[in-house]
Amino acid sequence: MSPVTETHRKYTAAYLKANYDDYKVRMPKGKRDQVKEHAKSTGESMNAFINRAIDEAMERDKQT
């Protein structure tokens, strides 16, 4: 694998800034490992799992 160039880094940073919002999630010590293991067991990244959990909760809340 070739090293990442500075141009590629800048392009990636600009793409992420234009297309994604960042939000830091704080959780009690040890919970991150639990979430990571759960996400892994479902074949998802932590990010994908957290986004899916948020989407499912928001959809469920609409129905109540």
N, C-alpha and C. Protein backbone atom coordinates (compact mmCIF):
# COMPACT_ATOMS: atom_id res chain seq x y z
N MET A 1 0.84 -1.17 0.00
CA MET A 1 0.00 0.00 0.00
C MET A 1 0.89 1.24 0.00
N SER A 2 0.60 2.16 -0.88
CA SER A 2 1.42 3.36 -0.97
C SER A 2 1.04 4.36 0.12
N PRO A 3 1.98 5.20 0.53
CA PRO A 3 1.68 6.19 1.56
C PRO A 3 0.65 7.21 1.06
N VAL A 4 -0.11 7.74 2.00
CA VAL A 4 -1.12 8.74 1.68
C VAL A 4 -0.43 10.08 1.46
N THR A 5 -0.75 10.71 0.35
CA THR A 5 -0.13 12.00 0.04
C THR A 5 -0.85 13.12 0.79
N GLU A 6 -0.19 14.25 0.91
CA GLU A 6 -0.79 15.42 1.56
C GLU A 6 -2.02 15.88 0.76
N THR A 7 -1.96 15.79 -0.55
CA THR A 7 -3.09 16.17 -1.39
C THR A 7 -4.30 15.29 -1.08
N HIS A 8 -4.06 14.00 -0.92
CA HIS A 8 -5.15 13.07 -0.60
C HIS A 8 -5.73 13.40 0.78
N ARG A 9 -4.88 13.69 1.74
CA ARG A 9 -5.33 14.05 3.08
C ARG A 9 -6.23 15.28 3.04
N LYS A 10 -5.80 16.29 2.29
CA LYS A 10 -6.58 17.53 2.19
C LYS A 10 -7.91 17.27 1.51
N TYR A 11 -7.92 16.48 0.45
CA TYR A 11 -9.16 16.15 -0.25
C TYR A 11 -10.11 15.42 0.69
N THR A 12 -9.60 14.44 1.42
CA THR A 12 -10.43 13.67 2.34
C THR A 12 -11.01 14.57 3.43
N ALA A 13 -10.19 15.45 4.00
CA ALA A 13 -10.67 16.36 5.04
C ALA A 13 -11.76 17.28 4.50
N ALA A 14 -11.58 17.79 3.29
CA ALA A 14 -12.59 18.67 2.69
C ALA A 14 -13.88 17.91 2.42
N TYR A 15 -13.76 16.68 1.93
CA TYR A 15 -14.94 15.85 1.66
C TYR A 15 -15.72 15.58 2.95
N LEU A 16 -15.02 15.19 4.00
CA LEU A 16 -15.68 14.90 5.27
C LEU A 16 -16.35 16.15 5.82
N LYS A 17 -15.69 17.30 5.75
CA LYS A 17 -16.26 18.54 6.25
C LYS A 17 -17.52 18.93 5.49
N ALA A 18 -17.53 18.69 4.18
CA ALA A 18 -18.67 19.07 3.35
C ALA A 18 -19.85 18.10 3.49
N ASN A 19 -19.58 16.86 3.87
CA ASN A 19 -20.63 15.83 3.81
C ASN A 19 -21.03 15.20 5.14
N TYR A 20 -20.30 15.50 6.21
CA TYR A 20 -20.59 14.86 7.48
C TYR A 20 -20.51 15.86 8.63
N ASP A 21 -21.32 15.62 9.65
CA ASP A 21 -21.21 16.35 10.91
C ASP A 21 -20.51 15.44 11.91
N ASP A 22 -19.68 16.01 12.74
CA ASP A 22 -19.02 15.25 13.81
C ASP A 22 -19.72 15.55 15.12
N TYR A 23 -19.82 14.53 15.96
CA TYR A 23 -20.38 14.70 17.29
C TYR A 23 -19.68 13.72 18.21
N LYS A 24 -19.10 14.22 19.27
CA LYS A 24 -18.40 13.37 20.21
C LYS A 24 -19.41 12.75 21.17
N VAL A 25 -19.33 11.45 21.34
CA VAL A 25 -20.23 10.74 22.25
C VAL A 25 -19.43 10.35 23.49
N ARG A 26 -19.95 10.71 24.64
CA ARG A 26 -19.31 10.33 25.90
C ARG A 26 -20.12 9.23 26.55
N MET A 27 -19.42 8.24 27.07
CA MET A 27 -20.08 7.13 27.75
C MET A 27 -19.20 6.67 28.90
N PRO A 28 -19.80 5.99 29.86
CA PRO A 28 -19.01 5.52 31.00
C PRO A 28 -17.87 4.59 30.55
N LYS A 29 -16.79 4.62 31.32
CA LYS A 29 -15.66 3.73 31.04
C LYS A 29 -16.13 2.30 30.88
N GLY A 30 -15.63 1.63 29.86
CA GLY A 30 -15.97 0.23 29.62
C GLY A 30 -17.13 0.04 28.66
N LYS A 31 -18.00 1.03 28.57
CA LYS A 31 -19.16 0.87 27.69
C LYS A 31 -18.74 0.88 26.22
N ARG A 32 -17.72 1.67 25.89
CA ARG A 32 -17.25 1.71 24.51
C ARG A 32 -16.86 0.32 24.03
N ASP A 33 -16.19 -0.43 24.88
CA ASP A 33 -15.79 -1.79 24.50
C ASP A 33 -17.01 -2.67 24.28
N GLN A 34 -18.04 -2.48 25.10
CA GLN A 34 -19.27 -3.26 24.93
C GLN A 34 -19.94 -2.91 23.60
N VAL A 35 -20.01 -1.62 23.29
CA VAL A 35 -20.62 -1.19 22.03
C VAL A 35 -19.81 -1.73 20.85
N LYS A 36 -18.50 -1.63 20.95
CA LYS A 36 -17.62 -2.11 19.88
C LYS A 36 -17.82 -3.60 19.64
N GLU A 37 -17.88 -4.38 20.68
CA GLU A 37 -18.09 -5.82 20.55
C GLU A 37 -19.46 -6.14 19.96
N HIS A 38 -20.47 -5.40 20.40
CA HIS A 38 -21.81 -5.63 19.86
C HIS A 38 -21.84 -5.30 18.36
N ALA A 39 -21.27 -4.17 18.00
CA ALA A 39 -21.23 -3.78 16.59
C ALA A 39 -20.50 -4.83 15.77
N LYS A 40 -19.39 -5.31 16.30
CA LYS A 40 -18.61 -6.34 15.60
C LYS A 40 -19.44 -7.61 15.42
N SER A 41 -20.24 -7.96 16.42
CA SER A 41 -21.05 -9.19 16.34
C SER A 41 -22.14 -9.08 15.29
N THR A 42 -22.52 -7.85 14.94
CA THR A 42 -23.53 -7.65 13.90
C THR A 42 -22.90 -7.32 12.55
N GLY A 43 -21.57 -7.33 12.50
CA GLY A 43 -20.86 -7.06 11.25
C GLY A 43 -20.82 -5.58 10.88
N GLU A 44 -20.97 -4.71 11.88
CA GLU A 44 -20.98 -3.27 11.63
C GLU A 44 -19.79 -2.60 12.31
N SER A 45 -19.46 -1.43 11.81
CA SER A 45 -18.51 -0.59 12.53
C SER A 45 -19.26 0.05 13.69
N MET A 46 -18.53 0.61 14.64
CA MET A 46 -19.20 1.31 15.74
C MET A 46 -20.02 2.46 15.20
N ASN A 47 -19.48 3.19 14.24
CA ASN A 47 -20.18 4.32 13.67
C ASN A 47 -21.49 3.88 13.01
N ALA A 48 -21.43 2.81 12.23
CA ALA A 48 -22.64 2.31 11.56
C ALA A 48 -23.67 1.86 12.58
N PHE A 49 -23.22 1.16 13.63
CA PHE A 49 -24.15 0.70 14.66
C PHE A 49 -24.81 1.87 15.39
N ILE A 50 -24.01 2.85 15.78
CA ILE A 50 -24.55 4.00 16.51
C ILE A 50 -25.56 4.75 15.65
N ASN A 51 -25.24 4.94 14.37
CA ASN A 51 -26.18 5.62 13.47
C ASN A 51 -27.46 4.81 13.29
N ARG A 52 -27.34 3.50 13.19
CA ARG A 52 -28.53 2.65 13.05
C ARG A 52 -29.37 2.71 14.32
N ALA A 53 -28.73 2.68 15.48
CA ALA A 53 -29.46 2.76 16.75
C ALA A 53 -30.20 4.09 16.87
N ILE A 54 -29.56 5.16 16.46
CA ILE A 54 -30.21 6.47 16.50
C ILE A 54 -31.41 6.49 15.55
N ASP A 55 -31.21 6.01 14.32
CA ASP A 55 -32.31 5.99 13.34
C ASP A 55 -33.49 5.16 13.84
N GLU A 56 -33.20 3.99 14.41
CA GLU A 56 -34.27 3.12 14.91
C GLU A 56 -35.01 3.78 16.08
N ALA A 57 -34.28 4.42 16.98
CA ALA A 57 -34.93 5.09 18.12
C ALA A 57 -35.79 6.25 17.64
N MET A 58 -35.31 7.02 16.68
CA MET A 58 -36.08 8.15 16.16
C MET A 58 -37.35 7.65 15.45
N GLU A 59 -37.24 6.58 14.70
CA GLU A 59 -38.41 6.02 14.02
C GLU A 59 -39.41 5.48 15.04
N ARG A 60 -38.91 4.80 16.06
CA ARG A 60 -39.78 4.26 17.12
C ARG A 60 -40.48 5.39 17.87
N ASP A 61 -39.75 6.50 18.12
CA ASP A 61 -40.34 7.63 18.84
C ASP A 61 -41.46 8.30 18.03
N LYS A 62 -41.37 8.27 16.72
CA LYS A 62 -42.41 8.85 15.87
C LYS A 62 -43.73 8.10 16.02
N GLN A 63 -43.63 6.81 16.32
CA GLN A 63 -44.82 5.95 16.38
C GLN A 63 -45.52 6.01 17.72
N THR A 64 -44.94 6.69 18.70
CA THR A 64 -45.58 6.74 20.03
C THR A 64 -46.30 8.04 20.25
